[in-house]
């Protein structure tokens, strides 16, 4: 299949990253993010089409999103290509950056954290998310690979 015509979950890098997300979530929380049975491709598709929001960012000094499932892309009103170029700090209003930074630092030291808070779409729509979980993503060598977040409930607030 032509790479340009592939859906994100069909890309080899996304398939591998989906495995990291699933395994790291289980490592930190002891819970399953998604039914992890099936082939790596089926798991990647399941995460991308999941009924919850799932995002992750890398380890850059100003981390860039490196994953967003369909629900995340819809919520932030971005295409896959746009999302993959977006610093994760852009998902939070500037006045809430300190709160976000504390959450990410806490997660870095503890492995995972629960959170709720206000986020902002690319078009400026604000939404409140509840019962979120942020966790550290590890690679096969158990090295820090970034952080991921998931939540099921978000409501527009303006």
N, C-alpha and C. Protein backbone atom coordinates (compact mmCIF):
# COMPACT_ATOMS: atom_id res chain seq x y z
N UNK A 1 0.85 -1.19 0.00
CA UNK A 1 0.00 0.00 0.00
C UNK A 1 0.88 1.24 0.00
N UNK A 2 0.51 2.22 -0.74
CA UNK A 2 1.24 3.48 -0.80
C UNK A 2 1.18 4.16 0.56
N UNK A 3 2.35 4.52 1.10
CA UNK A 3 2.42 5.12 2.42
C UNK A 3 1.57 6.38 2.54
N UNK A 4 1.47 7.16 1.46
CA UNK A 4 0.68 8.38 1.49
C UNK A 4 -0.80 8.10 1.69
N UNK A 5 -1.25 6.93 1.30
CA UNK A 5 -2.66 6.59 1.40
C UNK A 5 -2.98 5.79 2.66
N UNK A 6 -1.97 5.47 3.44
CA UNK A 6 -2.19 4.71 4.66
C UNK A 6 -2.86 5.56 5.73
N UNK A 7 -3.70 4.92 6.50
CA UNK A 7 -4.21 5.56 7.70
C UNK A 7 -3.09 5.54 8.73
N UNK A 8 -3.11 6.46 9.68
CA UNK A 8 -2.00 6.50 10.65
C UNK A 8 -1.71 5.15 11.31
N UNK A 9 -2.75 4.43 11.71
CA UNK A 9 -2.53 3.17 12.41
C UNK A 9 -1.91 2.09 11.53
N UNK A 10 -1.85 2.30 10.23
CA UNK A 10 -1.26 1.33 9.32
C UNK A 10 0.24 1.55 9.12
N UNK A 11 0.76 2.65 9.63
CA UNK A 11 2.19 2.96 9.48
C UNK A 11 3.00 2.14 10.49
N UNK A 12 4.11 1.59 10.04
CA UNK A 12 4.94 0.74 10.90
C UNK A 12 5.37 1.45 12.18
N UNK A 13 5.72 2.73 12.09
CA UNK A 13 6.15 3.45 13.29
C UNK A 13 5.00 3.59 14.29
N UNK A 14 3.79 3.78 13.80
CA UNK A 14 2.62 3.91 14.67
C UNK A 14 2.26 2.55 15.28
N UNK A 15 2.40 1.49 14.52
CA UNK A 15 2.16 0.14 15.04
C UNK A 15 3.11 -0.13 16.20
N UNK A 16 4.39 0.18 16.03
CA UNK A 16 5.37 -0.03 17.11
C UNK A 16 5.05 0.87 18.31
N UNK A 17 4.70 2.12 18.05
CA UNK A 17 4.41 3.04 19.13
C UNK A 17 3.16 2.60 19.90
N UNK A 18 2.18 2.06 19.20
CA UNK A 18 0.98 1.55 19.85
C UNK A 18 1.33 0.48 20.88
N UNK A 19 2.29 -0.38 20.54
CA UNK A 19 2.75 -1.40 21.48
C UNK A 19 3.38 -0.76 22.72
N UNK A 20 4.18 0.27 22.50
CA UNK A 20 4.79 0.98 23.65
C UNK A 20 3.72 1.59 24.55
N UNK A 21 2.71 2.20 23.93
CA UNK A 21 1.65 2.83 24.72
C UNK A 21 0.91 1.81 25.58
N UNK A 22 0.52 0.70 24.98
CA UNK A 22 -0.21 -0.36 25.69
C UNK A 22 0.65 -0.94 26.81
N UNK A 23 1.89 -1.29 26.49
CA UNK A 23 2.76 -1.94 27.48
C UNK A 23 3.13 -0.99 28.61
N UNK A 24 3.40 0.26 28.30
CA UNK A 24 3.76 1.23 29.34
C UNK A 24 2.58 1.51 30.26
N UNK A 25 1.39 1.64 29.70
CA UNK A 25 0.20 1.88 30.52
C UNK A 25 0.03 0.72 31.51
N UNK A 26 0.14 -0.50 31.03
CA UNK A 26 -0.01 -1.67 31.90
C UNK A 26 1.11 -1.70 32.95
N UNK A 27 2.31 -1.38 32.53
CA UNK A 27 3.45 -1.37 33.44
C UNK A 27 3.20 -0.45 34.64
N UNK A 28 2.70 0.74 34.41
CA UNK A 28 2.52 1.73 35.47
C UNK A 28 1.22 1.54 36.25
N UNK A 29 0.15 1.17 35.58
CA UNK A 29 -1.16 1.15 36.25
C UNK A 29 -1.64 -0.26 36.62
N UNK A 30 -1.07 -1.27 35.98
CA UNK A 30 -1.56 -2.63 36.18
C UNK A 30 -2.86 -2.90 35.46
N UNK A 31 -3.32 -1.94 34.67
CA UNK A 31 -4.58 -2.06 33.94
C UNK A 31 -4.32 -2.14 32.44
N UNK A 32 -5.32 -2.64 31.73
CA UNK A 32 -5.23 -2.71 30.27
C UNK A 32 -5.85 -1.45 29.68
N UNK A 33 -5.14 -0.80 28.80
CA UNK A 33 -5.65 0.37 28.10
C UNK A 33 -6.71 -0.04 27.09
N UNK A 34 -6.51 -1.21 26.51
CA UNK A 34 -7.39 -1.74 25.46
C UNK A 34 -7.20 -3.24 25.45
N UNK A 35 -8.18 -3.97 24.99
CA UNK A 35 -8.00 -5.41 24.83
C UNK A 35 -6.81 -5.61 23.91
N UNK A 36 -5.72 -6.12 24.45
CA UNK A 36 -4.47 -6.20 23.70
C UNK A 36 -4.31 -7.52 22.95
N UNK A 37 -5.40 -8.24 22.76
CA UNK A 37 -5.29 -9.46 21.97
C UNK A 37 -5.33 -9.09 20.49
N UNK A 38 -4.78 -9.96 19.68
CA UNK A 38 -4.76 -9.69 18.25
C UNK A 38 -3.36 -9.32 17.79
N UNK A 39 -3.25 -9.10 16.51
CA UNK A 39 -1.95 -8.75 15.92
C UNK A 39 -1.58 -7.32 16.29
N UNK A 40 -0.31 -6.96 16.16
CA UNK A 40 0.07 -5.57 16.40
C UNK A 40 -0.73 -4.58 15.55
N UNK A 41 -1.05 -4.96 14.31
CA UNK A 41 -1.83 -4.08 13.44
C UNK A 41 -3.25 -3.91 13.98
N UNK A 42 -3.85 -5.00 14.47
CA UNK A 42 -5.20 -4.92 15.03
C UNK A 42 -5.22 -4.06 16.29
N UNK A 43 -4.17 -4.17 17.09
CA UNK A 43 -4.07 -3.35 18.30
C UNK A 43 -3.93 -1.88 17.93
N UNK A 44 -3.07 -1.59 16.94
CA UNK A 44 -2.89 -0.21 16.49
C UNK A 44 -4.20 0.38 15.98
N UNK A 45 -4.94 -0.41 15.21
CA UNK A 45 -6.24 0.06 14.71
C UNK A 45 -7.20 0.28 15.88
N UNK A 46 -7.21 -0.65 16.84
CA UNK A 46 -8.09 -0.52 18.00
C UNK A 46 -7.82 0.74 18.80
N UNK A 47 -6.55 1.07 19.00
CA UNK A 47 -6.20 2.30 19.72
C UNK A 47 -6.62 3.53 18.94
N UNK A 48 -6.37 3.52 17.63
CA UNK A 48 -6.70 4.68 16.82
C UNK A 48 -8.21 4.91 16.79
N UNK A 49 -8.98 3.85 16.78
CA UNK A 49 -10.45 3.96 16.69
C UNK A 49 -11.13 3.88 18.06
N UNK A 50 -10.38 3.87 19.14
CA UNK A 50 -10.93 3.69 20.49
C UNK A 50 -11.94 4.78 20.85
N UNK A 51 -12.85 4.47 21.77
CA UNK A 51 -13.87 5.44 22.18
C UNK A 51 -13.37 6.45 23.21
N UNK A 52 -12.08 6.50 23.44
CA UNK A 52 -11.47 7.45 24.37
C UNK A 52 -10.37 8.21 23.65
N UNK A 53 -9.97 9.33 24.22
CA UNK A 53 -8.88 10.14 23.67
C UNK A 53 -7.56 9.54 24.12
N UNK A 54 -6.60 9.46 23.21
CA UNK A 54 -5.25 8.97 23.52
C UNK A 54 -4.25 9.82 22.76
N UNK A 55 -3.31 10.42 23.49
CA UNK A 55 -2.25 11.24 22.88
C UNK A 55 -0.92 10.88 23.53
N UNK A 56 0.17 11.21 22.85
CA UNK A 56 1.49 11.09 23.46
C UNK A 56 2.42 12.12 22.83
N UNK A 57 3.47 12.43 23.59
CA UNK A 57 4.50 13.32 23.06
C UNK A 57 5.87 12.72 23.34
N UNK A 58 6.87 13.24 22.62
CA UNK A 58 8.23 12.73 22.72
C UNK A 58 9.03 13.37 23.83
N UNK A 59 10.34 13.29 23.70
CA UNK A 59 11.25 13.72 24.76
C UNK A 59 12.00 15.01 24.43
N UNK A 60 11.56 15.74 23.43
CA UNK A 60 12.20 16.99 23.07
C UNK A 60 12.11 17.98 24.25
N UNK A 61 12.95 19.01 24.24
CA UNK A 61 12.87 20.02 25.29
C UNK A 61 11.51 20.73 25.27
N UNK A 62 10.91 20.87 24.11
CA UNK A 62 9.55 21.37 23.95
C UNK A 62 8.80 20.23 23.23
N UNK A 63 8.29 19.24 24.00
CA UNK A 63 7.78 18.00 23.39
C UNK A 63 6.72 18.23 22.31
N UNK A 64 6.88 17.46 21.24
CA UNK A 64 5.97 17.47 20.09
C UNK A 64 5.10 16.22 20.18
N UNK A 65 3.80 16.38 19.88
CA UNK A 65 2.94 15.20 19.84
C UNK A 65 3.50 14.20 18.84
N UNK A 66 3.51 12.92 19.24
CA UNK A 66 3.92 11.86 18.32
C UNK A 66 2.82 10.81 18.15
N UNK A 67 1.66 11.07 18.75
CA UNK A 67 0.51 10.18 18.54
C UNK A 67 -0.76 10.91 18.97
N UNK A 68 -1.80 10.69 18.23
CA UNK A 68 -3.14 11.15 18.60
C UNK A 68 -4.13 10.25 17.88
N UNK A 69 -5.02 9.63 18.63
CA UNK A 69 -6.00 8.77 17.96
C UNK A 69 -7.11 9.63 17.35
N UNK A 70 -8.05 8.97 16.70
CA UNK A 70 -9.10 9.70 15.97
C UNK A 70 -9.87 10.65 16.89
N UNK A 71 -10.20 10.21 18.11
CA UNK A 71 -10.93 11.07 19.06
C UNK A 71 -10.10 12.30 19.40
N UNK A 72 -8.80 12.14 19.57
CA UNK A 72 -7.93 13.28 19.88
C UNK A 72 -7.87 14.25 18.71
N UNK A 73 -7.71 13.74 17.50
CA UNK A 73 -7.65 14.60 16.32
C UNK A 73 -8.94 15.40 16.17
N UNK A 74 -10.07 14.75 16.43
CA UNK A 74 -11.36 15.44 16.35
C UNK A 74 -11.47 16.51 17.43
N UNK A 75 -11.07 16.18 18.65
CA UNK A 75 -11.19 17.11 19.77
C UNK A 75 -10.31 18.34 19.56
N UNK A 76 -9.06 18.13 19.10
CA UNK A 76 -8.15 19.25 18.89
C UNK A 76 -8.32 19.88 17.51
N UNK A 77 -9.20 19.30 16.68
CA UNK A 77 -9.53 19.86 15.37
C UNK A 77 -8.30 20.00 14.47
N UNK A 78 -7.54 18.90 14.40
CA UNK A 78 -6.32 18.88 13.58
C UNK A 78 -6.26 17.59 12.78
N UNK A 79 -5.58 17.66 11.65
CA UNK A 79 -5.29 16.44 10.89
C UNK A 79 -4.13 15.72 11.58
N UNK A 80 -3.90 14.49 11.18
CA UNK A 80 -2.77 13.73 11.72
C UNK A 80 -1.47 14.49 11.47
N UNK A 81 -1.29 14.97 10.26
CA UNK A 81 -0.05 15.66 9.90
C UNK A 81 0.14 16.92 10.74
N UNK A 82 -0.92 17.67 10.96
CA UNK A 82 -0.83 18.88 11.78
C UNK A 82 -0.53 18.53 13.24
N UNK A 83 -1.20 17.51 13.75
CA UNK A 83 -1.02 17.11 15.15
C UNK A 83 0.42 16.68 15.41
N UNK A 84 1.01 15.96 14.45
CA UNK A 84 2.37 15.44 14.62
C UNK A 84 3.44 16.55 14.60
N UNK A 85 3.03 17.77 14.30
CA UNK A 85 3.96 18.90 14.30
C UNK A 85 3.67 19.88 15.43
N UNK A 86 2.72 19.53 16.30
CA UNK A 86 2.26 20.44 17.33
C UNK A 86 2.95 20.19 18.66
N UNK A 87 3.55 21.22 19.26
CA UNK A 87 4.08 21.05 20.62
C UNK A 87 2.92 20.75 21.57
N UNK A 88 3.10 19.79 22.46
CA UNK A 88 2.00 19.39 23.33
C UNK A 88 1.56 20.53 24.26
N UNK A 89 2.43 21.49 24.52
CA UNK A 89 2.05 22.63 25.36
C UNK A 89 0.93 23.45 24.72
N UNK A 90 0.78 23.35 23.39
CA UNK A 90 -0.27 24.10 22.69
C UNK A 90 -1.67 23.58 23.01
N UNK A 91 -1.75 22.42 23.67
CA UNK A 91 -3.05 21.86 24.04
C UNK A 91 -3.58 22.51 25.32
N UNK A 92 -2.77 23.38 25.92
CA UNK A 92 -3.13 24.02 27.18
C UNK A 92 -2.98 25.53 27.02
N UNK A 93 -3.95 26.28 27.56
CA UNK A 93 -3.84 27.74 27.52
C UNK A 93 -2.59 28.18 28.28
N UNK A 94 -2.01 29.27 27.84
CA UNK A 94 -0.78 29.76 28.44
C UNK A 94 -0.89 29.97 29.94
N UNK A 95 -2.05 30.44 30.41
CA UNK A 95 -2.22 30.71 31.84
C UNK A 95 -2.22 29.42 32.67
N UNK A 96 -2.37 28.26 32.03
CA UNK A 96 -2.40 26.99 32.75
C UNK A 96 -1.12 26.17 32.55
N UNK A 97 -0.10 26.76 31.93
CA UNK A 97 1.13 26.03 31.64
C UNK A 97 1.84 25.55 32.91
N UNK A 98 1.86 26.38 33.96
CA UNK A 98 2.55 25.99 35.19
C UNK A 98 1.91 24.73 35.78
N UNK A 99 0.57 24.69 35.79
CA UNK A 99 -0.16 23.52 36.28
C UNK A 99 0.21 22.28 35.45
N UNK A 100 0.25 22.44 34.14
CA UNK A 100 0.61 21.34 33.24
C UNK A 100 2.03 20.88 33.51
N UNK A 101 2.95 21.81 33.66
CA UNK A 101 4.35 21.45 33.91
C UNK A 101 4.51 20.67 35.21
N UNK A 102 3.76 21.05 36.25
CA UNK A 102 3.80 20.31 37.52
C UNK A 102 3.29 18.89 37.33
N UNK A 103 2.20 18.74 36.57
CA UNK A 103 1.64 17.42 36.30
C UNK A 103 2.65 16.53 35.58
N UNK A 104 3.30 17.07 34.56
CA UNK A 104 4.26 16.27 33.79
C UNK A 104 5.48 15.91 34.64
N UNK A 105 5.93 16.83 35.50
CA UNK A 105 7.07 16.55 36.39
C UNK A 105 6.69 15.47 37.41
N UNK A 106 5.48 15.58 37.97
CA UNK A 106 5.01 14.57 38.92
C UNK A 106 4.95 13.20 38.25
N UNK A 107 4.44 13.17 37.03
CA UNK A 107 4.35 11.92 36.28
C UNK A 107 5.73 11.35 36.01
N UNK A 108 6.66 12.21 35.66
CA UNK A 108 8.03 11.75 35.39
C UNK A 108 8.60 11.04 36.60
N UNK A 109 8.36 11.56 37.78
CA UNK A 109 8.93 10.95 38.99
C UNK A 109 8.13 9.75 39.50
N UNK A 110 6.80 9.75 39.32
CA UNK A 110 5.96 8.67 39.86
C UNK A 110 5.62 7.58 38.85
N UNK A 111 5.73 7.85 37.57
CA UNK A 111 5.37 6.88 36.54
C UNK A 111 4.03 7.16 35.90
N UNK A 112 3.03 7.56 36.72
CA UNK A 112 1.74 7.95 36.17
C UNK A 112 1.02 8.83 37.17
N UNK A 113 0.08 9.62 36.69
CA UNK A 113 -0.71 10.53 37.52
C UNK A 113 -2.12 10.61 36.97
N UNK A 114 -3.05 10.89 37.86
CA UNK A 114 -4.43 11.18 37.46
C UNK A 114 -4.58 12.68 37.34
N UNK A 115 -5.46 13.12 36.45
CA UNK A 115 -5.65 14.56 36.30
C UNK A 115 -7.00 14.89 35.70
N UNK A 116 -7.41 16.11 35.92
CA UNK A 116 -8.56 16.74 35.29
C UNK A 116 -8.12 18.16 34.98
N UNK A 117 -8.71 18.78 34.00
CA UNK A 117 -8.31 20.14 33.71
C UNK A 117 -8.85 20.66 32.40
N UNK A 118 -8.54 21.91 32.14
CA UNK A 118 -8.99 22.59 30.93
C UNK A 118 -7.91 22.46 29.85
N UNK A 119 -8.33 22.13 28.65
CA UNK A 119 -7.45 22.09 27.49
C UNK A 119 -8.10 22.93 26.41
N UNK A 120 -7.35 23.17 25.33
CA UNK A 120 -7.84 24.06 24.27
C UNK A 120 -7.56 23.43 22.90
N UNK A 121 -8.54 23.54 22.01
CA UNK A 121 -8.38 23.01 20.66
C UNK A 121 -7.56 23.98 19.81
N UNK A 122 -7.23 23.56 18.62
CA UNK A 122 -6.45 24.40 17.70
C UNK A 122 -7.22 25.65 17.28
N UNK A 123 -8.55 25.61 17.38
CA UNK A 123 -9.36 26.77 17.00
C UNK A 123 -9.78 27.61 18.20
N UNK A 124 -9.26 27.27 19.39
CA UNK A 124 -9.55 28.06 20.58
C UNK A 124 -10.72 27.58 21.42
N UNK A 125 -11.34 26.47 21.04
CA UNK A 125 -12.42 25.92 21.87
C UNK A 125 -11.81 25.32 23.13
N UNK A 126 -12.37 25.70 24.27
CA UNK A 126 -11.89 25.17 25.54
C UNK A 126 -12.79 24.02 25.98
N UNK A 127 -12.18 23.01 26.57
CA UNK A 127 -12.95 21.88 27.08
C UNK A 127 -12.35 21.42 28.39
N UNK A 128 -13.21 20.89 29.24
CA UNK A 128 -12.79 20.37 30.54
C UNK A 128 -12.77 18.85 30.44
N UNK A 129 -11.65 18.26 30.78
CA UNK A 129 -11.54 16.81 30.76
C UNK A 129 -11.48 16.29 32.18
N UNK A 130 -12.06 15.12 32.38
CA UNK A 130 -12.12 14.51 33.70
C UNK A 130 -11.56 13.10 33.67
N UNK A 131 -11.06 12.68 34.82
CA UNK A 131 -10.59 11.31 35.01
C UNK A 131 -9.51 10.91 34.00
N UNK A 132 -8.60 11.83 33.74
CA UNK A 132 -7.50 11.54 32.83
C UNK A 132 -6.36 10.83 33.54
N UNK A 133 -5.56 10.15 32.77
CA UNK A 133 -4.34 9.50 33.27
C UNK A 133 -3.20 9.88 32.35
N UNK A 134 -2.10 10.31 32.94
CA UNK A 134 -0.86 10.58 32.21
C UNK A 134 0.16 9.55 32.68
N UNK A 135 0.94 9.00 31.76
CA UNK A 135 1.96 8.03 32.16
C UNK A 135 3.20 8.17 31.30
N UNK A 136 4.30 7.66 31.84
CA UNK A 136 5.57 7.66 31.12
C UNK A 136 5.57 6.50 30.14
N UNK A 137 6.00 6.78 28.92
CA UNK A 137 6.11 5.75 27.89
C UNK A 137 7.56 5.27 27.87
N UNK A 138 7.71 3.95 27.89
CA UNK A 138 9.04 3.33 27.88
C UNK A 138 9.21 2.52 26.61
N UNK A 139 10.46 2.44 26.13
CA UNK A 139 10.73 1.60 24.96
C UNK A 139 11.02 0.17 25.41
N UNK A 140 11.42 -0.69 24.48
CA UNK A 140 11.68 -2.09 24.80
C UNK A 140 12.81 -2.27 25.81
N UNK A 141 13.74 -1.32 25.84
CA UNK A 141 14.86 -1.37 26.78
C UNK A 141 14.52 -0.67 28.10
N UNK A 142 13.23 -0.35 28.28
CA UNK A 142 12.74 0.33 29.48
C UNK A 142 13.32 1.73 29.65
N UNK A 143 13.68 2.35 28.53
CA UNK A 143 14.19 3.71 28.53
C UNK A 143 13.02 4.67 28.30
N UNK A 144 13.10 5.84 28.94
CA UNK A 144 12.06 6.85 28.82
C UNK A 144 11.92 7.29 27.37
N UNK A 145 10.68 7.25 26.85
CA UNK A 145 10.40 7.55 25.45
C UNK A 145 9.44 8.73 25.29
N UNK A 146 8.90 9.23 26.42
CA UNK A 146 7.96 10.33 26.38
C UNK A 146 6.84 10.11 27.37
N UNK A 147 5.73 10.79 27.16
CA UNK A 147 4.57 10.64 28.02
C UNK A 147 3.31 10.55 27.19
N UNK A 148 2.31 9.87 27.74
CA UNK A 148 1.03 9.70 27.05
C UNK A 148 -0.09 10.08 28.02
N UNK A 149 -1.25 10.35 27.46
CA UNK A 149 -2.41 10.69 28.27
C UNK A 149 -3.66 10.12 27.62
N UNK A 150 -4.61 9.78 28.47
CA UNK A 150 -5.90 9.30 27.99
C UNK A 150 -7.00 9.83 28.88
N UNK A 151 -8.16 10.02 28.30
CA UNK A 151 -9.36 10.36 29.05
C UNK A 151 -10.57 10.05 28.20
N UNK A 152 -11.69 9.83 28.88
CA UNK A 152 -12.92 9.46 28.17
C UNK A 152 -13.94 10.57 28.13
N UNK A 153 -13.83 11.49 29.07
CA UNK A 153 -14.88 12.50 29.21
C UNK A 153 -14.32 13.91 29.02
N UNK A 154 -14.92 14.65 28.09
CA UNK A 154 -14.54 16.05 27.87
C UNK A 154 -15.80 16.82 27.51
N UNK A 155 -15.95 18.00 28.10
CA UNK A 155 -17.12 18.82 27.76
C UNK A 155 -16.67 20.23 27.42
N UNK A 156 -17.27 20.77 26.39
CA UNK A 156 -16.95 22.14 25.96
C UNK A 156 -17.35 23.12 27.06
N UNK A 157 -16.49 24.12 27.29
CA UNK A 157 -16.82 25.12 28.31
C UNK A 157 -16.90 26.53 27.73
N UNK A 158 -16.51 26.70 26.50
CA UNK A 158 -16.69 28.02 25.87
C UNK A 158 -16.59 27.91 24.36
